[in-house]
All heavy atoms as atom14 arrays in JSON, in Angstrom:
{
  "sequence": "AERLLELGEQANAVLLGPGMVDDEAVGALLRALLPRMSQPTAVLD",
  "atom14_mask": [
    [1, 1, 1, 1, 1, 0, 0, 0, 0, 0, 0, 0, 0, 0],
    [1, 1, 1, 1, 1, 1, 1, 1, 1, 0, 0, 0, 0, 0],
    [1, 1, 1, 1, 1, 1, 1, 1, 1, 1, 1, 0, 0, 0],
    [1, 1, 1, 1, 1, 1, 1, 1, 0, 0, 0, 0, 0, 0],
    [1, 1, 1, 1, 1, 1, 1, 1, 0, 0, 0, 0, 0, 0],
    [1, 1, 1, 1, 1, 1, 1, 1, 1, 0, 0, 0, 0, 0],
    [1, 1, 1, 1, 1, 1, 1, 1, 0, 0, 0, 0, 0, 0],
    [1, 1, 1, 1, 0, 0, 0, 0, 0, 0, 0, 0, 0, 0],
    [1, 1, 1, 1, 1, 1, 1, 1, 1, 0, 0, 0, 0, 0],
    [1, 1, 1, 1, 1, 1, 1, 1, 1, 0, 0, 0, 0, 0],
    [1, 1, 1, 1, 1, 0, 0, 0, 0, 0, 0, 0, 0, 0],
    [1, 1, 1, 1, 1, 1, 1, 1, 0, 0, 0, 0, 0, 0],
    [1, 1, 1, 1, 1, 0, 0, 0, 0, 0, 0, 0, 0, 0],
    [1, 1, 1, 1, 1, 1, 1, 0, 0, 0, 0, 0, 0, 0],
    [1, 1, 1, 1, 1, 1, 1, 1, 0, 0, 0, 0, 0, 0],
    [1, 1, 1, 1, 1, 1, 1, 1, 0, 0, 0, 0, 0, 0],
    [1, 1, 1, 1, 0, 0, 0, 0, 0, 0, 0, 0, 0, 0],
    [1, 1, 1, 1, 1, 1, 1, 0, 0, 0, 0, 0, 0, 0],
    [1, 1, 1, 1, 0, 0, 0, 0, 0, 0, 0, 0, 0, 0],
    [1, 1, 1, 1, 1, 1, 1, 1, 0, 0, 0, 0, 0, 0],
    [1, 1, 1, 1, 1, 1, 1, 0, 0, 0, 0, 0, 0, 0],
    [1, 1, 1, 1, 1, 1, 1, 1, 0, 0, 0, 0, 0, 0],
    [1, 1, 1, 1, 1, 1, 1, 1, 0, 0, 0, 0, 0, 0],
    [1, 1, 1, 1, 1, 1, 1, 1, 1, 0, 0, 0, 0, 0],
    [1, 1, 1, 1, 1, 0, 0, 0, 0, 0, 0, 0, 0, 0],
    [1, 1, 1, 1, 1, 1, 1, 0, 0, 0, 0, 0, 0, 0],
    [1, 1, 1, 1, 0, 0, 0, 0, 0, 0, 0, 0, 0, 0],
    [1, 1, 1, 1, 1, 0, 0, 0, 0, 0, 0, 0, 0, 0],
    [1, 1, 1, 1, 1, 1, 1, 1, 0, 0, 0, 0, 0, 0],
    [1, 1, 1, 1, 1, 1, 1, 1, 0, 0, 0, 0, 0, 0],
    [1, 1, 1, 1, 1, 1, 1, 1, 1, 1, 1, 0, 0, 0],
    [1, 1, 1, 1, 1, 0, 0, 0, 0, 0, 0, 0, 0, 0],
    [1, 1, 1, 1, 1, 1, 1, 1, 0, 0, 0, 0, 0, 0],
    [1, 1, 1, 1, 1, 1, 1, 1, 0, 0, 0, 0, 0, 0],
    [1, 1, 1, 1, 1, 1, 1, 0, 0, 0, 0, 0, 0, 0],
    [1, 1, 1, 1, 1, 1, 1, 1, 1, 1, 1, 0, 0, 0],
    [1, 1, 1, 1, 1, 1, 1, 1, 0, 0, 0, 0, 0, 0],
    [1, 1, 1, 1, 1, 1, 0, 0, 0, 0, 0, 0, 0, 0],
    [1, 1, 1, 1, 1, 1, 1, 1, 1, 0, 0, 0, 0, 0],
    [1, 1, 1, 1, 1, 1, 1, 0, 0, 0, 0, 0, 0, 0],
    [1, 1, 1, 1, 1, 1, 1, 0, 0, 0, 0, 0, 0, 0],
    [1, 1, 1, 1, 1, 0, 0, 0, 0, 0, 0, 0, 0, 0],
    [1, 1, 1, 1, 1, 1, 1, 0, 0, 0, 0, 0, 0, 0],
    [1, 1, 1, 1, 1, 1, 1, 1, 0, 0, 0, 0, 0, 0],
    [1, 1, 1, 1, 1, 1, 1, 1, 0, 0, 0, 0, 0, 0]
  ],
  "atom14_positions": [
    [[0.82, -1.22, 0.0], [0.0, 0.0, 0.0], [0.85, 1.27, 0.0], [0.54, 2.23, -0.7], [-0.95, 0.0, 1.2], [0.0, 0.0, 0.0], [0.0, 0.0, 0.0], [0.0, 0.0, 0.0], [0.0, 0.0, 0.0], [0.0, 0.0, 0.0], [0.0, 0.0, 0.0], [0.0, 0.0, 0.0], [0.0, 0.0, 0.0], [0.0, 0.0, 0.0]],
    [[1.94, 1.29, 0.78], [2.76, 2.5, 0.86], [3.4, 2.82, -0.49], [3.44, 3.98, -0.91], [3.84, 2.35, 1.93], [3.3, 2.25, 3.35], [2.5, 3.48, 3.75], [2.88, 4.61, 3.34], [1.5, 3.32, 4.46], [0.0, 0.0, 0.0], [0.0, 0.0, 0.0], [0.0, 0.0, 0.0], [0.0, 0.0, 0.0], [0.0, 0.0, 0.0]],
    [[3.9, 1.82, -1.17], [4.49, 2.04, -2.51], [3.42, 2.51, -3.48], [3.68, 3.41, -4.31], [5.12, 0.74, -3.01], [5.76, 0.86, -4.4], [6.97, 1.76, -4.37], [7.66, 1.8, -5.65], [7.81, 2.91, -6.38], [7.31, 4.05, -5.96], [8.46, 2.86, -7.52], [0.0, 0.0, 0.0], [0.0, 0.0, 0.0], [0.0, 0.0, 0.0]],
    [[2.24, 1.96, -3.39], [1.17, 2.38, -4.29], [0.72, 3.81, -3.99], [0.36, 4.55, -4.91], [-0.01, 1.42, -4.17], [0.24, 0.03, -4.74], [-0.92, -0.91, -4.43], [0.47, 0.09, -6.25], [0.0, 0.0, 0.0], [0.0, 0.0, 0.0], [0.0, 0.0, 0.0], [0.0, 0.0, 0.0], [0.0, 0.0, 0.0], [0.0, 0.0, 0.0]],
    [[0.76, 4.2, -2.73], [0.44, 5.59, -2.41], [1.44, 6.55, -3.04], [1.07, 7.61, -3.54], [0.41, 5.78, -0.89], [-0.87, 5.32, -0.19], [-0.66, 5.3, 1.32], [-2.05, 6.21, -0.55], [0.0, 0.0, 0.0], [0.0, 0.0, 0.0], [0.0, 0.0, 0.0], [0.0, 0.0, 0.0], [0.0, 0.0, 0.0], [0.0, 0.0, 0.0]],
    [[2.72, 6.19, -3.03], [3.75, 7.01, -3.67], [3.46, 7.17, -5.16], [3.54, 8.27, -5.71], [5.12, 6.39, -3.47], [5.61, 6.36, -2.04], [6.92, 5.6, -1.91], [7.51, 5.26, -2.96], [7.35, 5.35, -0.77], [0.0, 0.0, 0.0], [0.0, 0.0, 0.0], [0.0, 0.0, 0.0], [0.0, 0.0, 0.0], [0.0, 0.0, 0.0]],
    [[3.13, 6.06, -5.8], [2.82, 6.11, -7.23], [1.54, 6.88, -7.49], [1.44, 7.65, -8.45], [2.71, 4.69, -7.79], [3.98, 3.84, -7.75], [3.66, 2.39, -8.11], [5.04, 4.4, -8.7], [0.0, 0.0, 0.0], [0.0, 0.0, 0.0], [0.0, 0.0, 0.0], [0.0, 0.0, 0.0], [0.0, 0.0, 0.0], [0.0, 0.0, 0.0]],
    [[0.54, 6.66, -6.64], [-0.76, 7.3, -6.83], [-0.71, 8.8, -6.69], [-1.5, 9.52, -7.33], [0.0, 0.0, 0.0], [0.0, 0.0, 0.0], [0.0, 0.0, 0.0], [0.0, 0.0, 0.0], [0.0, 0.0, 0.0], [0.0, 0.0, 0.0], [0.0, 0.0, 0.0], [0.0, 0.0, 0.0], [0.0, 0.0, 0.0], [0.0, 0.0, 0.0]],
    [[0.21, 9.32, -5.89], [0.33, 10.77, -5.72], [0.69, 11.46, -7.03], [0.41, 12.65, -7.2], [1.38, 11.08, -4.65], [0.92, 10.8, -3.23], [2.03, 11.03, -2.22], [3.15, 11.41, -2.65], [1.79, 10.85, -1.01], [0.0, 0.0, 0.0], [0.0, 0.0, 0.0], [0.0, 0.0, 0.0], [0.0, 0.0, 0.0], [0.0, 0.0, 0.0]],
    [[1.32, 10.75, -7.93], [1.74, 11.33, -9.2], [0.74, 11.06, -10.32], [0.94, 11.53, -11.45], [3.1, 10.74, -9.6], [4.18, 10.88, -8.55], [5.41, 10.06, -8.91], [5.8, 9.96, -10.06], [6.02, 9.44, -7.91], [0.0, 0.0, 0.0], [0.0, 0.0, 0.0], [0.0, 0.0, 0.0], [0.0, 0.0, 0.0], [0.0, 0.0, 0.0]],
    [[-0.3, 10.31, -10.03], [-1.25, 9.9, -11.07], [-2.48, 10.79, -11.09], [-2.87, 11.36, -10.08], [-1.66, 8.44, -10.86], [0.0, 0.0, 0.0], [0.0, 0.0, 0.0], [0.0, 0.0, 0.0], [0.0, 0.0, 0.0], [0.0, 0.0, 0.0], [0.0, 0.0, 0.0], [0.0, 0.0, 0.0], [0.0, 0.0, 0.0], [0.0, 0.0, 0.0]],
    [[-3.1, 10.86, -12.27], [-4.39, 11.55, -12.41], [-5.56, 10.58, -12.28], [-6.67, 10.99, -11.94], [-4.46, 12.26, -13.75], [-3.33, 13.26, -13.92], [-2.3, 12.93, -14.54], [-3.47, 14.44, -13.38], [0.0, 0.0, 0.0], [0.0, 0.0, 0.0], [0.0, 0.0, 0.0], [0.0, 0.0, 0.0], [0.0, 0.0, 0.0], [0.0, 0.0, 0.0]],
    [[-5.31, 9.32, -12.58], [-6.33, 8.28, -12.43], [-5.65, 6.98, -12.02], [-4.55, 6.67, -12.49], [-7.1, 8.08, -13.73], [0.0, 0.0, 0.0], [0.0, 0.0, 0.0], [0.0, 0.0, 0.0], [0.0, 0.0, 0.0], [0.0, 0.0, 0.0], [0.0, 0.0, 0.0], [0.0, 0.0, 0.0], [0.0, 0.0, 0.0], [0.0, 0.0, 0.0]],
    [[-6.3, 6.25, -11.14], [-5.8, 4.95, -10.68], [-6.89, 3.91, -10.9], [-8.02, 4.07, -10.43], [-5.41, 4.97, -9.2], [-4.98, 3.59, -8.73], [-4.28, 5.98, -8.95], [0.0, 0.0, 0.0], [0.0, 0.0, 0.0], [0.0, 0.0, 0.0], [0.0, 0.0, 0.0], [0.0, 0.0, 0.0], [0.0, 0.0, 0.0], [0.0, 0.0, 0.0]],
    [[-6.56, 2.87, -11.64], [-7.47, 1.75, -11.87], [-7.03, 0.59, -11.0], [-5.87, 0.15, -11.08], [-7.47, 1.35, -13.34], [-8.15, 0.03, -13.71], [-9.61, 0.01, -13.3], [-8.0, -0.24, -15.21], [0.0, 0.0, 0.0], [0.0, 0.0, 0.0], [0.0, 0.0, 0.0], [0.0, 0.0, 0.0], [0.0, 0.0, 0.0], [0.0, 0.0, 0.0]],
    [[-7.94, 0.08, -10.18], [-7.66, -1.06, -9.32], [-8.6, -2.21, -9.64], [-9.81, -1.99, -9.78], [-7.83, -0.69, -7.84], [-6.93, 0.43, -7.32], [-7.76, 1.63, -6.92], [-6.12, -0.05, -6.13], [0.0, 0.0, 0.0], [0.0, 0.0, 0.0], [0.0, 0.0, 0.0], [0.0, 0.0, 0.0], [0.0, 0.0, 0.0], [0.0, 0.0, 0.0]],
    [[-8.05, -3.41, -9.78], [-8.91, -4.58, -9.87], [-8.69, -5.56, -10.98], [-8.91, -6.76, -10.78], [0.0, 0.0, 0.0], [0.0, 0.0, 0.0], [0.0, 0.0, 0.0], [0.0, 0.0, 0.0], [0.0, 0.0, 0.0], [0.0, 0.0, 0.0], [0.0, 0.0, 0.0], [0.0, 0.0, 0.0], [0.0, 0.0, 0.0], [0.0, 0.0, 0.0]],
    [[-8.29, -5.14, -12.19], [-8.19, -6.13, -13.28], [-7.23, -7.27, -12.95], [-6.08, -7.04, -12.59], [-7.67, -5.3, -14.46], [-8.12, -3.91, -14.17], [-8.04, -3.77, -12.68], [0.0, 0.0, 0.0], [0.0, 0.0, 0.0], [0.0, 0.0, 0.0], [0.0, 0.0, 0.0], [0.0, 0.0, 0.0], [0.0, 0.0, 0.0], [0.0, 0.0, 0.0]],
    [[-7.73, -8.48, -13.03], [-6.89, -9.65, -12.81], [-6.51, -9.92, -11.37], [-5.69, -10.81, -11.1], [0.0, 0.0, 0.0], [0.0, 0.0, 0.0], [0.0, 0.0, 0.0], [0.0, 0.0, 0.0], [0.0, 0.0, 0.0], [0.0, 0.0, 0.0], [0.0, 0.0, 0.0], [0.0, 0.0, 0.0], [0.0, 0.0, 0.0], [0.0, 0.0, 0.0]],
    [[-7.09, -9.2, -10.41], [-6.72, -9.41, -9.01], [-7.32, -10.7, -8.47], [-8.46, -11.04, -8.79], [-7.19, -8.24, -8.15], [-6.24, -7.05, -8.15], [-6.81, -5.76, -7.01], [-5.26, -4.92, -6.69], [0.0, 0.0, 0.0], [0.0, 0.0, 0.0], [0.0, 0.0, 0.0], [0.0, 0.0, 0.0], [0.0, 0.0, 0.0], [0.0, 0.0, 0.0]],
    [[-6.55, -11.39, -7.62], [-7.02, -12.58, -6.92], [-6.71, -12.41, -5.44], [-6.09, -11.42, -5.03], [-6.37, -13.87, -7.46], [-6.68, -14.06, -8.93], [-4.86, -13.84, -7.24], [0.0, 0.0, 0.0], [0.0, 0.0, 0.0], [0.0, 0.0, 0.0], [0.0, 0.0, 0.0], [0.0, 0.0, 0.0], [0.0, 0.0, 0.0], [0.0, 0.0, 0.0]],
    [[-7.14, -13.38, -4.62], [-6.96, -13.38, -3.17], [-7.82, -12.27, -2.55], [-7.34, -11.18, -2.21], [-5.48, -13.2, -2.8], [-5.21, -13.49, -1.33], [-6.18, -13.54, -0.54], [-4.03, -13.65, -0.95], [0.0, 0.0, 0.0], [0.0, 0.0, 0.0], [0.0, 0.0, 0.0], [0.0, 0.0, 0.0], [0.0, 0.0, 0.0], [0.0, 0.0, 0.0]],
    [[-9.1, -12.57, -2.42], [-10.07, -11.57, -1.96], [-9.7, -10.94, -0.62], [-9.88, -9.74, -0.41], [-11.47, -12.2, -1.86], [-12.04, -12.58, -3.21], [-11.47, -12.14, -4.23], [-13.04, -13.32, -3.25], [0.0, 0.0, 0.0], [0.0, 0.0, 0.0], [0.0, 0.0, 0.0], [0.0, 0.0, 0.0], [0.0, 0.0, 0.0], [0.0, 0.0, 0.0]],
    [[-9.19, -11.74, 0.28], [-8.83, -11.2, 1.61], [-7.73, -10.16, 1.48], [-7.78, -9.09, 2.11], [-8.39, -12.34, 2.53], [-8.1, -11.88, 3.95], [-7.77, -13.05, 4.88], [-8.12, -14.19, 4.55], [-7.17, -12.79, 5.94], [0.0, 0.0, 0.0], [0.0, 0.0, 0.0], [0.0, 0.0, 0.0], [0.0, 0.0, 0.0], [0.0, 0.0, 0.0]],
    [[-6.72, -10.45, 0.67], [-5.62, -9.51, 0.47], [-6.1, -8.25, -0.25], [-5.66, -7.13, 0.08], [-4.49, -10.17, -0.31], [0.0, 0.0, 0.0], [0.0, 0.0, 0.0], [0.0, 0.0, 0.0], [0.0, 0.0, 0.0], [0.0, 0.0, 0.0], [0.0, 0.0, 0.0], [0.0, 0.0, 0.0], [0.0, 0.0, 0.0], [0.0, 0.0, 0.0]],
    [[-6.98, -8.42, -1.23], [-7.51, -7.25, -1.95], [-8.25, -6.33, -0.99], [-8.09, -5.1, -1.01], [-8.43, -7.69, -3.1], [-9.08, -6.47, -3.75], [-7.64, -8.47, -4.14], [0.0, 0.0, 0.0], [0.0, 0.0, 0.0], [0.0, 0.0, 0.0], [0.0, 0.0, 0.0], [0.0, 0.0, 0.0], [0.0, 0.0, 0.0], [0.0, 0.0, 0.0]],
    [[-9.07, -6.91, -0.13], [-9.81, -6.11, 0.84], [-8.89, -5.33, 1.76], [-9.1, -4.14, 2.02], [0.0, 0.0, 0.0], [0.0, 0.0, 0.0], [0.0, 0.0, 0.0], [0.0, 0.0, 0.0], [0.0, 0.0, 0.0], [0.0, 0.0, 0.0], [0.0, 0.0, 0.0], [0.0, 0.0, 0.0], [0.0, 0.0, 0.0], [0.0, 0.0, 0.0]],
    [[-7.85, -5.98, 2.25], [-6.89, -5.31, 3.13], [-6.15, -4.2, 2.39], [-5.9, -3.13, 2.95], [-5.9, -6.33, 3.69], [0.0, 0.0, 0.0], [0.0, 0.0, 0.0], [0.0, 0.0, 0.0], [0.0, 0.0, 0.0], [0.0, 0.0, 0.0], [0.0, 0.0, 0.0], [0.0, 0.0, 0.0], [0.0, 0.0, 0.0], [0.0, 0.0, 0.0]],
    [[-5.83, -4.45, 1.13], [-5.14, -3.43, 0.34], [-6.03, -2.21, 0.12], [-5.58, -1.06, 0.27], [-4.72, -4.03, -1.01], [-3.95, -3.1, -1.95], [-2.6, -2.72, -1.35], [-3.77, -3.75, -3.31], [0.0, 0.0, 0.0], [0.0, 0.0, 0.0], [0.0, 0.0, 0.0], [0.0, 0.0, 0.0], [0.0, 0.0, 0.0], [0.0, 0.0, 0.0]],
    [[-7.28, -2.42, -0.21], [-8.2, -1.3, -0.42], [-8.37, -0.48, 0.85], [-8.39, 0.75, 0.81], [-9.55, -1.8, -0.9], [-9.62, -2.47, -2.27], [-11.06, -2.81, -2.62], [-9.0, -1.61, -3.36], [0.0, 0.0, 0.0], [0.0, 0.0, 0.0], [0.0, 0.0, 0.0], [0.0, 0.0, 0.0], [0.0, 0.0, 0.0], [0.0, 0.0, 0.0]],
    [[-8.5, -1.15, 1.98], [-8.67, -0.44, 3.25], [-7.44, 0.38, 3.61], [-7.55, 1.45, 4.22], [-9.01, -1.42, 4.37], [-10.39, -2.04, 4.24], [-10.77, -2.82, 5.48], [-9.91, -3.99, 5.71], [-10.11, -5.18, 5.17], [-11.16, -5.38, 4.36], [-9.3, -6.2, 5.45], [0.0, 0.0, 0.0], [0.0, 0.0, 0.0], [0.0, 0.0, 0.0]],
    [[-6.27, -0.11, 3.24], [-5.04, 0.61, 3.54], [-4.76, 1.73, 2.54], [-4.08, 2.71, 2.87], [-3.85, -0.36, 3.56], [0.0, 0.0, 0.0], [0.0, 0.0, 0.0], [0.0, 0.0, 0.0], [0.0, 0.0, 0.0], [0.0, 0.0, 0.0], [0.0, 0.0, 0.0], [0.0, 0.0, 0.0], [0.0, 0.0, 0.0], [0.0, 0.0, 0.0]],
    [[-5.27, 1.59, 1.34], [-4.91, 2.49, 0.25], [-5.94, 3.59, -0.01], [-5.61, 4.79, 0.01], [-4.7, 1.66, -1.02], [-4.34, 2.4, -2.31], [-3.0, 3.12, -2.16], [-4.28, 1.41, -3.48], [0.0, 0.0, 0.0], [0.0, 0.0, 0.0], [0.0, 0.0, 0.0], [0.0, 0.0, 0.0], [0.0, 0.0, 0.0], [0.0, 0.0, 0.0]],
    [[-7.17, 3.22, -0.24], [-8.16, 4.19, -0.74], [-8.44, 5.35, 0.21], [-8.54, 6.5, -0.24], [-9.46, 3.46, -1.09], [-9.42, 2.66, -2.4], [-10.7, 1.85, -2.56], [-9.21, 3.57, -3.6], [0.0, 0.0, 0.0], [0.0, 0.0, 0.0], [0.0, 0.0, 0.0], [0.0, 0.0, 0.0], [0.0, 0.0, 0.0], [0.0, 0.0, 0.0]],
    [[-8.58, 5.13, 1.52], [-8.88, 6.28, 2.38], [-7.78, 7.35, 2.39], [-8.03, 8.49, 2.79], [-9.04, 5.64, 3.77], [-9.41, 4.23, 3.5], [-8.64, 3.87, 2.28], [0.0, 0.0, 0.0], [0.0, 0.0, 0.0], [0.0, 0.0, 0.0], [0.0, 0.0, 0.0], [0.0, 0.0, 0.0], [0.0, 0.0, 0.0], [0.0, 0.0, 0.0]],
    [[-6.59, 7.01, 1.96], [-5.47, 7.95, 1.96], [-5.12, 8.45, 0.56], [-4.2, 9.25, 0.4], [-4.25, 7.26, 2.58], [-4.47, 6.81, 4.01], [-3.41, 5.83, 4.45], [-2.07, 6.4, 4.41], [-0.95, 5.67, 4.46], [-1.03, 4.34, 4.56], [0.22, 6.26, 4.42], [0.0, 0.0, 0.0], [0.0, 0.0, 0.0], [0.0, 0.0, 0.0]],
    [[-5.87, 8.02, -0.43], [-5.55, 8.36, -1.83], [-6.56, 9.4, -2.32], [-7.5, 9.07, -3.04], [-5.59, 7.1, -2.69], [-4.93, 7.25, -4.05], [-5.08, 5.74, -5.02], [-6.85, 5.75, -5.36], [0.0, 0.0, 0.0], [0.0, 0.0, 0.0], [0.0, 0.0, 0.0], [0.0, 0.0, 0.0], [0.0, 0.0, 0.0], [0.0, 0.0, 0.0]],
    [[-6.37, 10.64, -1.94], [-7.37, 11.66, -2.24], [-7.21, 12.3, -3.61], [-8.16, 12.84, -4.16], [-7.32, 12.76, -1.17], [-6.05, 13.38, -1.16], [0.0, 0.0, 0.0], [0.0, 0.0, 0.0], [0.0, 0.0, 0.0], [0.0, 0.0, 0.0], [0.0, 0.0, 0.0], [0.0, 0.0, 0.0], [0.0, 0.0, 0.0], [0.0, 0.0, 0.0]],
    [[-6.03, 12.25, -4.21], [-5.75, 13.05, -5.4], [-6.36, 12.49, -6.69], [-7.14, 13.17, -7.35], [-4.24, 13.22, -5.57], [-3.81, 14.01, -6.79], [-4.26, 15.46, -6.74], [-4.45, 16.02, -5.67], [-4.46, 16.06, -7.91], [0.0, 0.0, 0.0], [0.0, 0.0, 0.0], [0.0, 0.0, 0.0], [0.0, 0.0, 0.0], [0.0, 0.0, 0.0]],
    [[-6.01, 11.27, -7.12], [-6.47, 10.82, -8.44], [-7.92, 10.34, -8.45], [-8.5, 10.02, -7.4], [-5.52, 9.66, -8.75], [-5.17, 9.11, -7.41], [-5.13, 10.29, -6.48], [0.0, 0.0, 0.0], [0.0, 0.0, 0.0], [0.0, 0.0, 0.0], [0.0, 0.0, 0.0], [0.0, 0.0, 0.0], [0.0, 0.0, 0.0], [0.0, 0.0, 0.0]],
    [[-8.49, 10.28, -9.64], [-9.78, 9.61, -9.82], [-9.56, 8.11, -9.71], [-8.71, 7.55, -10.4], [-10.39, 9.94, -11.19], [-10.63, 11.35, -11.27], [-11.7, 9.19, -11.4], [0.0, 0.0, 0.0], [0.0, 0.0, 0.0], [0.0, 0.0, 0.0], [0.0, 0.0, 0.0], [0.0, 0.0, 0.0], [0.0, 0.0, 0.0], [0.0, 0.0, 0.0]],
    [[-10.32, 7.45, -8.85], [-10.2, 6.0, -8.66], [-11.25, 5.29, -9.5], [-12.42, 5.66, -9.48], [-10.38, 5.64, -7.2], [0.0, 0.0, 0.0], [0.0, 0.0, 0.0], [0.0, 0.0, 0.0], [0.0, 0.0, 0.0], [0.0, 0.0, 0.0], [0.0, 0.0, 0.0], [0.0, 0.0, 0.0], [0.0, 0.0, 0.0], [0.0, 0.0, 0.0]],
    [[-10.82, 4.29, -10.25], [-11.71, 3.43, -11.03], [-11.54, 2.03, -10.48], [-10.42, 1.52, -10.41], [-11.36, 3.47, -12.53], [-12.32, 2.59, -13.33], [-11.38, 4.91, -13.05], [0.0, 0.0, 0.0], [0.0, 0.0, 0.0], [0.0, 0.0, 0.0], [0.0, 0.0, 0.0], [0.0, 0.0, 0.0], [0.0, 0.0, 0.0], [0.0, 0.0, 0.0]],
    [[-12.65, 1.4, -10.08], [-12.59, 0.07, -9.48], [-13.37, -0.92, -10.32], [-14.52, -0.68, -10.7], [-13.15, 0.1, -8.05], [-12.21, 0.69, -6.99], [-12.24, 2.2, -7.03], [-12.57, 0.21, -5.6], [0.0, 0.0, 0.0], [0.0, 0.0, 0.0], [0.0, 0.0, 0.0], [0.0, 0.0, 0.0], [0.0, 0.0, 0.0], [0.0, 0.0, 0.0]],
    [[-12.73, -2.05, -10.59], [-13.32, -3.07, -11.45], [-12.96, -4.45, -10.89], [-12.04, -4.6, -10.09], [-12.78, -2.92, -12.88], [-13.41, -3.88, -13.86], [-14.66, -3.93, -13.92], [-12.68, -4.6, -14.57], [0.0, 0.0, 0.0], [0.0, 0.0, 0.0], [0.0, 0.0, 0.0], [0.0, 0.0, 0.0], [0.0, 0.0, 0.0], [0.0, 0.0, 0.0]]
  ]
}
């Protein structure tokens, strides 16, 4: 999540989800990432 936050700060849009597996890990990642990612437009699929 921390590395993704660094990348997300420089992005205008972030797409999360294509090809993701391990539902438990995905849920934990979203909870750690999205509430702190205020800048880009988030697209979830």
